[in-house]
Amino acid sequence: MTGELSPIDTAKFVAAKRAVEFVEDGMRIGMGTGSTAAWMVKCLGELVRDEGLKITGVPTSTRTAELARQVGIKVVSLDEARWLDLTIDGTDEFDADLCLIKGGGGALLQEKIVATASDQMIVIADPSKQVEHLGAFPLPVEVIPFGWQTTKALIEEMLVSMDVLGQSATLRMNGDAAFVTDEGNHIVDLHLTRIGNPRQMSLVLNQVPGVVENGLFIDICDVVVTGYADGRVEVLDINEGTLEEDQINFADAENMFADI
C-alpha cells in the first residue's frame, strides 16, 4: 500500500494519524472538509472500529457527514452537540502566527462556526501549506446570491485601500454555473498574492453588505500538525510555544485510504 501513496498523500496521512492522537474517548469532535480532513475522518473511523473509541462527530459539510457515517462515526449537528472538545481540519495556508486561509473546498462558513465552538482547533497540513505571508492562495469570501455582483464590486473597491498586492475577484464556478455552498450561497475568490494585515482584512470584509463570512481564520487555530513524505510530523503549539517532532509508521496504511 505504501508504494501506492504519493509523497503528498503520505504527508497528509501521517499528519492525520498524529492529529487523531489528541482525541480521547467520549469527546465531541468537529470534523473538517477537504482532502486532508478526509484522511482524518478515515483515521478516526479506524479507531472507532478497531479500538472501540466512542466519539460524537460534528461535520462541516455534507461530504464529511457522508464519509463519517460510512466509517462508523456517530454524527450529530452542532445544535445537538452545542459545544465541542476539539476540531480537526485542514487548511489552504497557514503562517507563523497560525493564521489560516480556508475555504478551498467551499465549506468555510460551517468550518469557522464549528472551529470557534470548540475548546481547541488542530490543523493538519503538508509542508506546502506553510507560508511567510498569507495570500498566495485565493481568499474565499462567501456571499449571498442576491446582488452578488454588487457585493463583488464593493469588495473590489475596498481592496484598493488594503495592504495587498493583487485586487482581482472572481465568482467561483462549478462547471457553467456558479458554485453553491451547503448554505445556498456563492463564493467570490480574491486573488491578493499577499495579505499584509490579515486581521484588518477579515474585519473589513465582513462589513461589506452581502458578505456572509470570509476564509481568514484569525486567533482560532491552536495547533498545526505538519506531515512529511518520510513519515515525520511536526506539532507546533502556538499557546505552549512548543515545536515537537515525531515519526509515524505508515507501513500499515490500509486499502481503506486508497479512495481518498
Protein backbone atom coordinates (compact mmCIF):
# COMPACT_ATOMS: atom_id res chain seq x y z
CA MET A 1 0.00 0.00 0.00
CA THR A 2 2.75 2.49 0.85
CA GLY A 3 4.13 2.20 -2.67
CA GLU A 4 0.78 3.46 -3.99
CA LEU A 5 0.79 6.59 -1.85
CA SER A 6 2.17 9.74 -3.44
CA PRO A 7 4.53 11.85 -1.30
CA ILE A 8 1.77 14.42 -0.73
CA ASP A 9 -0.75 11.74 0.28
CA THR A 10 1.78 10.20 2.66
CA ALA A 11 2.32 13.62 4.26
CA LYS A 12 -1.43 14.12 4.67
CA PHE A 13 -1.90 10.63 6.08
CA VAL A 14 0.81 10.87 8.73
CA ALA A 15 -0.41 14.33 9.77
CA ALA A 16 -3.93 12.99 10.18
CA LYS A 17 -2.67 9.91 12.03
CA ARG A 18 -0.78 12.10 14.51
CA ALA A 19 -3.65 14.55 14.94
CA VAL A 20 -6.18 11.91 15.98
CA GLU A 21 -3.89 11.06 18.92
CA PHE A 22 -5.35 14.19 20.53
CA VAL A 23 -8.80 12.56 20.52
CA GLU A 24 -9.99 10.92 23.73
CA ASP A 25 -12.90 8.61 24.44
CA GLY A 26 -16.20 10.44 24.82
CA MET A 27 -15.12 13.60 23.01
CA ARG A 28 -17.29 15.68 20.72
CA ILE A 29 -15.20 16.31 17.61
CA GLY A 30 -15.59 18.88 14.87
CA MET A 31 -14.59 17.32 11.56
CA GLY A 32 -13.32 19.48 8.73
CA THR A 33 -13.80 19.33 4.99
CA GLY A 34 -11.31 18.67 2.20
CA SER A 35 -8.78 16.08 1.06
CA THR A 36 -6.58 16.31 4.16
CA ALA A 37 -9.54 16.28 6.56
CA ALA A 38 -10.84 13.18 4.79
CA TRP A 39 -7.74 11.30 5.92
CA MET A 40 -8.50 12.36 9.47
CA VAL A 41 -12.10 11.10 9.27
CA LYS A 42 -10.84 7.75 7.99
CA CYS A 43 -8.28 7.54 10.80
CA LEU A 44 -10.99 8.27 13.36
CA GLY A 45 -13.17 5.61 11.79
CA GLU A 46 -10.32 3.13 12.16
CA LEU A 47 -10.09 3.92 15.88
CA VAL A 48 -13.85 3.55 16.28
CA ARG A 49 -13.83 0.19 14.51
CA ASP A 50 -10.63 -1.36 15.84
CA GLU A 51 -10.26 0.17 19.31
CA GLY A 52 -13.85 0.88 20.28
CA LEU A 53 -13.32 4.63 20.52
CA LYS A 54 -16.60 6.34 21.37
CA ILE A 55 -16.86 9.83 19.91
CA THR A 56 -19.53 12.11 18.51
CA GLY A 57 -18.70 13.93 15.29
CA VAL A 58 -19.96 17.26 14.05
CA PRO A 59 -19.18 17.53 10.31
CA THR A 60 -18.61 20.81 8.49
CA SER A 61 -20.17 19.71 5.20
CA THR A 62 -22.49 17.12 3.71
CA ARG A 63 -19.43 15.42 2.16
CA THR A 64 -17.76 14.99 5.53
CA ALA A 65 -21.02 13.80 7.11
CA GLU A 66 -21.42 11.09 4.48
CA LEU A 67 -17.83 9.89 4.90
CA ALA A 68 -18.10 9.88 8.70
CA ARG A 69 -21.22 7.73 8.63
CA GLN A 70 -19.55 5.34 6.18
CA VAL A 71 -16.68 4.71 8.62
CA GLY A 72 -18.92 4.27 11.64
CA ILE A 73 -18.71 7.64 13.38
CA LYS A 74 -21.83 8.89 15.16
CA VAL A 75 -22.83 12.17 13.51
CA VAL A 76 -24.88 14.96 15.11
CA SER A 77 -25.49 18.62 14.33
CA LEU A 78 -23.71 21.44 16.15
CA ASP A 79 -27.03 22.42 17.71
CA GLU A 80 -27.26 18.93 19.22
CA ALA A 81 -23.64 18.91 20.42
CA ARG A 82 -23.77 22.58 21.49
CA TRP A 83 -20.04 22.75 22.30
CA LEU A 84 -17.07 20.71 21.11
CA ASP A 85 -13.92 19.45 22.78
CA LEU A 86 -11.84 19.57 19.64
CA THR A 87 -11.99 20.38 15.94
CA ILE A 88 -9.56 18.86 13.46
CA ASP A 89 -9.42 20.35 9.97
CA GLY A 90 -7.12 21.02 7.06
CA THR A 91 -6.02 24.38 5.71
CA ASP A 92 -5.10 26.03 2.43
CA GLU A 93 -2.40 28.20 4.01
CA PHE A 94 -1.01 28.96 7.46
CA ASP A 95 1.59 31.41 8.70
CA ALA A 96 3.92 31.55 11.72
CA ASP A 97 1.13 33.00 13.90
CA LEU A 98 -1.17 30.10 12.88
CA CYS A 99 -3.45 32.44 10.97
CA LEU A 100 -5.14 30.48 8.21
CA ILE A 101 -6.79 30.75 4.83
CA LYS A 102 -9.53 28.16 4.48
CA GLY A 103 -12.41 27.60 2.10
CA GLY A 104 -10.83 25.99 -0.93
CA GLY A 105 -13.42 23.22 -0.58
CA GLY A 106 -16.25 25.71 -0.23
CA ALA A 107 -17.17 24.96 3.41
CA LEU A 108 -15.57 27.94 5.15
CA LEU A 109 -18.76 29.15 6.88
CA GLN A 110 -19.56 25.90 8.65
CA GLU A 111 -15.86 25.28 9.27
CA LYS A 112 -15.45 28.63 11.05
CA ILE A 113 -18.60 28.20 13.12
CA VAL A 114 -17.56 24.71 14.23
CA ALA A 115 -13.96 25.71 14.94
CA THR A 116 -14.98 28.66 17.12
CA ALA A 117 -17.41 26.43 19.03
CA SER A 118 -14.50 24.22 20.14
CA ASP A 119 -12.13 24.27 23.09
CA GLN A 120 -9.25 23.63 20.69
CA MET A 121 -8.64 23.64 16.93
CA ILE A 122 -5.97 21.39 15.42
CA VAL A 123 -4.98 21.87 11.80
CA ILE A 124 -3.39 19.13 9.73
CA ALA A 125 -1.24 20.09 6.77
CA ASP A 126 1.56 19.19 4.42
CA PRO A 127 4.65 21.44 4.16
CA SER A 128 3.37 23.28 1.08
CA LYS A 129 0.67 24.94 3.19
CA GLN A 130 3.12 26.90 5.34
CA VAL A 131 3.77 30.41 4.03
CA GLU A 132 5.58 33.54 5.17
CA HIS A 133 2.62 35.72 4.24
CA LEU A 134 -0.96 34.66 3.57
CA GLY A 135 -2.49 35.41 0.19
CA ALA A 136 -0.89 33.25 -2.48
CA PHE A 137 -3.94 31.00 -2.18
CA PRO A 138 -7.08 32.85 -3.29
CA LEU A 139 -9.06 34.10 -0.28
CA PRO A 140 -12.63 32.76 -0.40
CA VAL A 141 -15.47 35.08 0.60
CA GLU A 142 -18.96 33.62 0.98
CA VAL A 143 -21.67 35.97 -0.32
CA ILE A 144 -25.44 35.71 -0.61
CA PRO A 145 -26.72 35.18 -4.18
CA PHE A 146 -28.91 38.30 -4.13
CA GLY A 147 -26.92 41.16 -5.60
CA TRP A 148 -23.69 39.20 -5.65
CA GLN A 149 -22.28 41.34 -8.47
CA THR A 150 -22.81 44.46 -6.35
CA THR A 151 -21.17 42.75 -3.39
CA LYS A 152 -18.23 41.75 -5.58
CA ALA A 153 -17.86 45.35 -6.83
CA LEU A 154 -17.92 46.65 -3.26
CA ILE A 155 -15.21 44.17 -2.27
CA GLU A 156 -13.03 45.21 -5.22
CA GLU A 157 -13.48 48.87 -4.27
CA MET A 158 -12.50 48.08 -0.69
CA LEU A 159 -9.34 46.23 -1.80
CA VAL A 160 -7.88 49.44 -3.24
CA SER A 161 -7.21 50.70 0.28
CA MET A 162 -5.93 47.37 1.67
CA ASP A 163 -2.31 46.22 2.07
CA VAL A 164 -2.42 43.61 -0.70
CA LEU A 165 -0.50 43.03 -3.92
CA GLY A 166 -3.45 41.89 -6.05
CA GLN A 167 -7.00 43.22 -6.26
CA SER A 168 -8.96 40.95 -8.59
CA ALA A 169 -12.05 38.99 -7.54
CA THR A 170 -13.77 36.13 -9.37
CA LEU A 171 -17.00 34.26 -8.81
CA ARG A 172 -16.27 30.59 -8.11
CA MET A 173 -17.85 28.34 -10.72
CA ASN A 174 -18.99 24.73 -10.82
CA GLY A 175 -18.91 23.95 -14.50
CA ASP A 176 -21.09 26.51 -16.26
CA ALA A 177 -22.98 27.54 -13.11
CA ALA A 178 -22.00 29.45 -10.01
CA PHE A 179 -20.71 27.28 -7.16
CA VAL A 180 -23.30 26.90 -4.39
CA THR A 181 -22.31 26.25 -0.78
CA ASP A 182 -24.18 23.99 1.64
CA GLU A 183 -25.91 27.14 2.89
CA GLY A 184 -27.06 28.10 -0.60
CA ASN A 185 -24.57 30.95 -1.05
CA HIS A 186 -21.89 31.78 -3.62
CA ILE A 187 -18.14 32.25 -3.18
CA VAL A 188 -16.06 35.10 -4.51
CA ASP A 189 -12.34 34.27 -4.61
CA LEU A 190 -9.94 37.16 -4.01
CA HIS A 191 -6.60 36.94 -5.80
CA LEU A 192 -4.45 39.04 -3.49
CA THR A 193 -0.97 37.43 -3.80
CA ARG A 194 -0.01 38.81 -0.37
CA ILE A 195 -2.13 39.99 2.57
CA GLY A 196 -0.20 42.48 4.67
CA ASN A 197 -2.71 42.69 7.53
CA PRO A 198 -4.95 39.60 7.71
CA ARG A 199 -6.74 40.76 10.86
CA GLN A 200 -7.74 44.08 9.29
CA MET A 201 -8.73 42.34 6.07
CA SER A 202 -11.06 39.96 7.90
CA LEU A 203 -12.76 42.73 9.85
CA VAL A 204 -13.27 44.99 6.84
CA LEU A 205 -14.53 42.22 4.56
CA ASN A 206 -17.26 41.25 6.99
CA GLN A 207 -18.57 44.83 6.96
CA VAL A 208 -19.38 44.67 3.24
CA PRO A 209 -23.14 44.22 2.65
CA GLY A 210 -23.82 40.80 1.15
CA VAL A 211 -20.74 39.16 2.68
CA VAL A 212 -21.62 36.23 4.92
CA GLU A 213 -18.11 35.25 6.05
CA ASN A 214 -14.52 35.16 4.81
CA GLY A 215 -11.87 32.43 4.81
CA LEU A 216 -9.40 34.10 7.16
CA PHE A 217 -9.17 32.20 10.46
CA ILE A 218 -7.54 34.57 12.95
CA ASP A 219 -6.81 33.53 16.57
CA ILE A 220 -8.77 30.29 16.09
CA CYS A 221 -6.10 27.64 15.42
CA ASP A 222 -4.15 26.32 18.43
CA VAL A 223 -2.01 23.54 16.94
CA VAL A 224 -0.71 22.72 13.46
CA VAL A 225 0.40 19.17 12.71
CA THR A 226 2.56 19.11 9.58
CA GLY A 227 3.24 15.78 7.90
CA TYR A 228 6.16 14.91 5.62
CA ALA A 229 6.61 12.31 2.92
CA ASP A 230 9.14 10.36 5.00
CA GLY A 231 6.67 9.89 7.87
CA ARG A 232 7.95 12.73 10.04
CA VAL A 233 5.47 15.04 11.70
CA GLU A 234 5.97 18.39 13.41
CA VAL A 235 3.50 19.55 16.06
CA LEU A 236 3.50 23.33 16.56
CA ASP A 237 1.51 24.53 19.59
CA ILE A 238 1.03 28.30 19.47
CA ASN A 239 -0.24 28.52 23.05
CA GLU A 240 2.55 26.49 24.62
CA GLY A 241 5.20 27.90 22.30
CA THR A 242 6.49 24.39 21.53
CA LEU A 243 7.54 22.55 18.38
CA GLU A 244 7.78 18.77 18.68
CA GLU A 245 8.90 16.24 16.09
CA ASP A 246 7.61 12.69 15.81
CA GLN A 247 7.75 9.76 13.43
CA ILE A 248 4.65 7.94 12.22
CA ASN A 249 4.80 4.37 10.95
CA PHE A 250 2.74 4.42 7.75
CA ALA A 251 3.66 0.91 6.61
CA ASP A 252 0.29 -0.39 7.86
CA ALA A 253 -1.81 2.04 5.85
CA GLU A 254 -4.77 0.00 4.65
CA ASN A 255 -6.67 -0.05 1.38
CA MET A 256 -9.46 1.86 3.12
CA PHE A 257 -7.43 5.02 2.49
CA ALA A 258 -6.88 4.42 -1.20
CA ASP A 259 -10.09 6.14 -2.33
CA ILE A 260 -9.45 9.49 -0.64
